[in-house]
N, C-alpha and C. Protein backbone atom coordinates (compact mmCIF):
# COMPACT_ATOMS: atom_id res chain seq x y z
N MET A 1 -5.07 -1.15 2.50
CA MET A 1 -5.34 0.10 2.02
C MET A 1 -4.23 0.00 0.86
N THR A 2 -4.58 0.93 -0.09
CA THR A 2 -3.99 1.59 -1.26
C THR A 2 -2.88 2.59 -0.98
N THR A 3 -1.69 2.59 -1.54
CA THR A 3 -0.94 3.54 -1.48
C THR A 3 -0.80 4.49 -2.89
N TYR A 4 -0.63 5.52 -2.53
CA TYR A 4 -1.03 6.67 -3.84
C TYR A 4 0.63 7.54 -3.27
N ILE A 5 0.88 7.94 -4.74
CA ILE A 5 2.25 8.94 -4.50
C ILE A 5 1.74 10.28 -5.34
N MET A 6 1.82 11.26 -4.44
CA MET A 6 1.40 12.90 -4.90
C MET A 6 2.24 13.33 -5.27
N LEU A 7 2.55 13.94 -6.40
CA LEU A 7 3.31 14.98 -7.03
C LEU A 7 2.85 16.17 -6.99
N ALA A 8 3.31 17.48 -6.17
CA ALA A 8 2.62 18.61 -5.79
C ALA A 8 3.49 19.80 -6.38
N ASN A 9 2.85 20.95 -6.94
CA ASN A 9 3.53 22.17 -7.04
C ASN A 9 2.87 22.98 -6.53
N TRP A 10 3.29 24.21 -5.97
CA TRP A 10 2.90 25.14 -5.59
C TRP A 10 2.26 25.78 -6.37
N THR A 11 0.93 26.78 -6.55
CA THR A 11 0.15 27.47 -7.30
C THR A 11 0.98 29.07 -7.14
N ASP A 12 0.80 29.83 -7.85
CA ASP A 12 1.30 31.33 -7.17
C ASP A 12 0.94 31.57 -6.20
N GLN A 13 -0.44 31.42 -5.63
CA GLN A 13 -0.89 31.26 -4.77
C GLN A 13 -0.29 30.90 -3.25
N GLY A 14 -0.01 29.67 -3.55
CA GLY A 14 0.60 28.69 -2.57
C GLY A 14 1.99 29.01 -2.38
N ALA A 15 2.56 29.74 -3.41
CA ALA A 15 4.08 30.01 -3.17
C ALA A 15 4.30 31.55 -2.62
N ARG A 16 3.57 32.44 -2.78
CA ARG A 16 2.97 33.91 -1.86
C ARG A 16 3.13 33.29 -0.55
N SER A 17 2.47 32.23 -0.11
CA SER A 17 2.33 31.81 1.27
C SER A 17 2.89 30.87 1.71
N ALA A 18 3.98 30.32 1.37
CA ALA A 18 5.25 29.34 1.32
C ALA A 18 5.13 28.96 2.95
N SER A 19 5.51 30.49 3.83
CA SER A 19 5.67 30.23 5.05
C SER A 19 4.31 29.76 6.04
N ASP A 20 3.11 29.38 5.33
CA ASP A 20 1.93 28.92 6.16
C ASP A 20 2.01 27.35 5.71
N SER A 21 2.63 26.77 4.71
CA SER A 21 2.56 25.85 4.00
C SER A 21 2.85 24.66 5.17
N PRO A 22 3.50 24.78 6.14
CA PRO A 22 3.20 23.70 7.52
C PRO A 22 1.97 23.78 7.71
N ARG A 23 1.51 24.41 8.17
CA ARG A 23 -0.35 24.67 8.68
C ARG A 23 -1.19 23.81 7.64
N ARG A 24 -0.92 24.48 6.25
CA ARG A 24 -1.39 23.48 5.29
C ARG A 24 -1.16 22.16 5.37
N LEU A 25 -0.15 21.82 5.57
CA LEU A 25 0.23 20.31 5.43
C LEU A 25 -0.73 19.57 6.63
N ASP A 26 -0.64 20.31 7.97
CA ASP A 26 -1.16 19.75 8.99
C ASP A 26 -2.66 19.46 8.66
N ALA A 27 -3.14 20.53 7.86
CA ALA A 27 -4.70 20.28 7.68
C ALA A 27 -5.01 19.32 6.83
N ALA A 28 -4.01 19.19 5.66
CA ALA A 28 -4.31 17.85 4.79
C ALA A 28 -4.59 16.56 5.07
N LYS A 29 -3.02 16.65 6.61
CA LYS A 29 -2.82 15.29 7.26
C LYS A 29 -4.09 14.92 7.90
N ALA A 30 -4.89 16.13 8.41
CA ALA A 30 -5.94 15.88 9.36
C ALA A 30 -7.24 15.21 8.10
N LEU A 31 -7.30 16.14 6.96
CA LEU A 31 -8.46 15.93 6.31
C LEU A 31 -8.33 14.36 5.62
N LEU A 32 -7.14 13.73 5.56
CA LEU A 32 -6.94 12.58 5.16
C LEU A 32 -7.47 11.53 6.03
N ALA A 33 -7.03 11.87 7.39
CA ALA A 33 -7.28 10.88 8.58
C ALA A 33 -8.75 10.90 8.52
N GLU A 34 -9.56 11.87 8.29
CA GLU A 34 -10.89 11.84 8.90
C GLU A 34 -11.22 11.29 7.70
N MET A 35 -11.00 10.88 6.56
CA MET A 35 -11.34 9.96 5.40
C MET A 35 -10.82 8.41 5.45
N GLY A 36 -10.08 8.17 6.65
CA GLY A 36 -9.70 7.10 6.47
C GLY A 36 -8.31 6.66 6.23
N GLY A 37 -7.44 7.81 5.68
CA GLY A 37 -6.41 7.41 5.10
C GLY A 37 -5.34 8.31 6.35
N ARG A 38 -3.68 8.09 5.75
CA ARG A 38 -3.03 8.39 6.37
C ARG A 38 -1.64 8.88 5.47
N PHE A 39 -0.76 9.90 6.06
CA PHE A 39 0.44 10.17 5.08
C PHE A 39 1.52 9.22 5.61
N GLN A 40 2.12 8.51 4.76
CA GLN A 40 3.16 7.83 5.17
C GLN A 40 4.59 8.54 4.81
N HIS A 41 4.82 9.21 3.94
CA HIS A 41 6.00 10.37 3.94
C HIS A 41 5.80 11.51 3.33
N PHE A 42 6.26 12.58 3.76
CA PHE A 42 6.11 13.93 2.99
C PHE A 42 7.45 14.42 2.58
N PHE A 43 7.93 15.20 1.42
CA PHE A 43 9.07 15.36 1.22
C PHE A 43 8.89 16.68 0.32
N LEU A 44 9.84 17.80 0.82
CA LEU A 44 10.13 19.10 0.12
C LEU A 44 11.02 18.66 -1.01
N THR A 45 10.86 19.04 -2.16
CA THR A 45 11.37 18.56 -3.36
C THR A 45 12.16 19.46 -4.14
N MET A 46 13.27 19.29 -5.06
CA MET A 46 13.82 20.56 -5.88
C MET A 46 13.60 19.54 -7.06
N GLY A 47 13.29 20.62 -7.90
CA GLY A 47 13.56 20.07 -9.18
C GLY A 47 12.20 19.98 -10.24
N THR A 48 11.63 19.03 -10.71
CA THR A 48 9.81 19.25 -11.52
C THR A 48 8.91 19.76 -10.47
N TYR A 49 8.87 19.07 -9.38
CA TYR A 49 8.34 19.26 -8.04
C TYR A 49 8.31 19.65 -7.04
N ASP A 50 7.37 20.36 -6.15
CA ASP A 50 7.96 21.18 -5.24
C ASP A 50 7.59 19.91 -3.84
N CYS A 51 6.86 19.33 -3.85
CA CYS A 51 6.36 18.33 -3.17
C CYS A 51 6.14 16.80 -3.43
N VAL A 52 6.76 15.83 -2.57
CA VAL A 52 6.25 14.50 -2.93
C VAL A 52 5.51 13.90 -1.85
N ALA A 53 4.67 13.70 -1.86
CA ALA A 53 3.75 12.49 -0.54
C ALA A 53 3.61 11.36 -0.85
N VAL A 54 3.97 10.41 0.04
CA VAL A 54 2.91 9.15 -0.15
C VAL A 54 2.21 8.97 1.02
N TYR A 55 1.03 8.57 0.36
CA TYR A 55 -0.29 8.36 1.74
C TYR A 55 -0.86 6.92 1.26
N GLU A 56 -1.58 6.63 2.19
CA GLU A 56 -2.62 5.76 2.08
C GLU A 56 -4.08 5.87 2.03
N ALA A 57 -5.06 5.33 1.41
CA ALA A 57 -6.28 5.80 1.30
C ALA A 57 -7.32 4.21 1.22
N PRO A 58 -8.42 4.26 1.95
CA PRO A 58 -8.93 2.98 1.52
C PRO A 58 -9.37 2.92 0.04
N ASP A 59 -9.53 3.61 -0.53
CA ASP A 59 -10.06 3.53 -2.22
C ASP A 59 -9.62 4.37 -2.67
N ASP A 60 -9.92 4.17 -4.56
CA ASP A 60 -9.40 5.21 -5.20
C ASP A 60 -10.46 6.39 -4.97
N ALA A 61 -11.86 6.31 -4.69
CA ALA A 61 -12.82 7.19 -4.82
C ALA A 61 -12.25 7.96 -3.39
N VAL A 62 -12.07 7.57 -2.32
CA VAL A 62 -11.45 8.38 -1.26
C VAL A 62 -10.23 9.42 -1.86
N ALA A 63 -9.15 8.70 -2.43
CA ALA A 63 -7.90 9.27 -2.78
C ALA A 63 -8.10 10.32 -3.93
N ALA A 64 -9.26 10.57 -4.82
CA ALA A 64 -9.57 11.39 -5.91
C ALA A 64 -10.43 12.17 -4.87
N ARG A 65 -11.19 12.16 -4.15
CA ARG A 65 -12.03 13.35 -3.38
C ARG A 65 -10.86 13.86 -2.49
N PHE A 66 -9.98 13.58 -1.88
CA PHE A 66 -8.87 13.96 -1.10
C PHE A 66 -8.23 15.07 -2.14
N ASN A 67 -7.68 14.34 -3.10
CA ASN A 67 -6.74 15.17 -3.98
C ASN A 67 -7.83 16.70 -4.98
N LEU A 68 -9.22 15.99 -4.92
CA LEU A 68 -9.89 17.53 -5.49
C LEU A 68 -10.07 18.21 -4.18
N GLN A 69 -10.56 18.09 -3.10
CA GLN A 69 -10.29 18.63 -1.92
C GLN A 69 -9.27 19.62 -1.71
N LEU A 70 -7.98 19.21 -2.04
CA LEU A 70 -6.66 19.69 -1.60
C LEU A 70 -6.53 20.54 -2.88
N GLY A 71 -6.86 20.81 -4.25
CA GLY A 71 -7.19 21.55 -5.55
C GLY A 71 -7.93 22.34 -5.20
N MET A 72 -8.94 22.39 -4.52
CA MET A 72 -9.93 23.44 -4.55
C MET A 72 -9.33 24.67 -3.35
N LEU A 73 -8.48 24.13 -2.71
CA LEU A 73 -8.05 25.27 -1.77
C LEU A 73 -7.28 26.33 -2.73
N GLY A 74 -6.60 25.69 -3.80
CA GLY A 74 -6.09 26.68 -4.22
C GLY A 74 -4.56 27.20 -4.10
N ALA A 75 -4.03 26.22 -3.41
CA ALA A 75 -2.21 26.53 -3.01
C ALA A 75 -1.38 25.22 -3.76
N ILE A 76 -2.15 24.30 -4.09
CA ILE A 76 -1.43 23.11 -5.08
C ILE A 76 -1.86 22.73 -6.23
N ARG A 77 -1.19 22.22 -6.95
CA ARG A 77 -1.91 21.59 -7.58
C ARG A 77 -1.08 20.12 -7.80
N THR A 78 -1.84 19.24 -8.29
CA THR A 78 -1.15 17.53 -7.80
C THR A 78 -1.36 16.64 -9.09
N GLN A 79 -0.60 15.93 -9.12
CA GLN A 79 -0.56 14.56 -10.07
C GLN A 79 -0.74 13.32 -9.18
N THR A 80 -1.15 12.21 -9.15
CA THR A 80 -1.67 11.51 -8.15
C THR A 80 -1.10 10.25 -8.76
N LEU A 81 -0.32 9.25 -8.20
CA LEU A 81 -0.19 7.53 -8.88
C LEU A 81 -0.61 6.70 -8.06
N LYS A 82 -1.00 5.55 -8.42
CA LYS A 82 -1.64 4.51 -7.74
C LYS A 82 -0.48 3.83 -7.91
N ALA A 83 -0.05 3.46 -6.31
CA ALA A 83 1.15 2.59 -6.12
C ALA A 83 1.20 1.28 -5.88
N PHE A 84 1.77 0.33 -6.51
CA PHE A 84 1.55 -1.38 -6.35
C PHE A 84 2.84 -1.64 -5.38
N PRO A 85 2.62 -2.12 -4.32
CA PRO A 85 3.78 -2.36 -3.38
C PRO A 85 4.38 -3.93 -4.16
N GLU A 86 5.55 -4.27 -3.57
CA GLU A 86 6.38 -5.42 -4.20
C GLU A 86 5.52 -6.74 -4.19
N ALA A 87 4.76 -6.93 -3.63
CA ALA A 87 4.46 -8.24 -3.30
C ALA A 87 3.16 -8.10 -4.39
N ALA A 88 2.52 -6.96 -4.69
CA ALA A 88 1.34 -6.87 -5.70
C ALA A 88 2.23 -7.26 -7.09
N TYR A 89 2.97 -6.29 -6.98
CA TYR A 89 3.97 -6.21 -8.40
C TYR A 89 4.32 -7.72 -9.02
N ARG A 90 4.68 -8.59 -7.98
CA ARG A 90 4.98 -9.56 -8.40
C ARG A 90 4.25 -10.64 -8.76
N GLU A 91 2.89 -10.40 -7.81
CA GLU A 91 1.45 -10.92 -8.29
C GLU A 91 1.01 -10.66 -9.43
N ILE A 92 1.28 -9.43 -10.01
CA ILE A 92 0.54 -9.04 -11.52
C ILE A 92 1.35 -9.65 -12.34
N VAL A 93 2.83 -9.37 -12.35
CA VAL A 93 3.78 -9.91 -12.90
C VAL A 93 3.80 -11.42 -13.11
N ALA A 94 3.49 -12.47 -12.15
CA ALA A 94 3.55 -13.58 -12.41
C ALA A 94 2.17 -14.02 -13.24
N SER A 95 1.34 -13.19 -12.83
CA SER A 95 -0.23 -13.51 -13.56
C SER A 95 -0.07 -13.53 -15.24
N LEU A 96 0.85 -12.91 -15.70
CA LEU A 96 1.17 -12.92 -17.07
C LEU A 96 1.30 -13.92 -17.65
N GLY A 97 2.41 -14.85 -17.05
CA GLY A 97 2.60 -16.34 -17.45
C GLY A 97 3.85 -15.74 -18.05
N TYR A 98 4.66 -17.15 -18.62
CA TYR A 98 5.98 -16.87 -19.29
C TYR A 98 5.73 -16.73 -20.84
N GLU A 99 6.23 -16.11 -21.08
CA GLU A 99 6.09 -15.74 -22.77
C GLU A 99 7.66 -15.66 -23.06
N GLU A 100 8.03 -16.51 -24.55
CA GLU A 100 9.42 -16.53 -24.93
C GLU A 100 9.50 -15.11 -25.78
N PRO A 101 10.50 -14.14 -25.66
CA PRO A 101 10.36 -13.34 -25.89
C PRO A 101 10.41 -13.13 -27.78
N PRO A 102 10.18 -12.40 -28.42
CA PRO A 102 10.07 -12.34 -29.94
C PRO A 102 11.89 -12.49 -30.41
N ARG A 103 11.85 -12.81 -31.33
CA ARG A 103 13.47 -12.75 -31.83
C ARG A 103 13.38 -11.98 -32.87
N TRP A 104 14.52 -11.40 -32.73
CA TRP A 104 14.57 -10.06 -34.05
C TRP A 104 15.58 -10.80 -35.05
N ARG A 105 15.07 -10.55 -36.40
CA ARG A 105 15.95 -11.36 -37.25
C ARG A 105 17.05 -9.91 -37.41
N ALA A 106 18.25 -10.26 -37.67
CA ALA A 106 19.46 -9.42 -38.05
C ALA A 106 19.37 -9.21 -39.23
């Protein structure tokens, strides 16, 4: 499965009903499970984003559909990153081959 990192902010509607957000999170987890995915981690955060979630989905189309369905509910806006685990990162970098870095003239 592919890993995704979702950065989320509450909309005005979502912030007004923050006390209901645990129920919405449970519903999001159930929705993703129905689509063949699962949440790995969920964090309430301080700073630029209100919440960060790490989840797995079978493919990019499922992840896109999941994010669109969450957005349609009106409580959050999301930005999602496709994440490559360390093994994939190493394979990608290794496929680049070694190239001598350019030498800058002083």
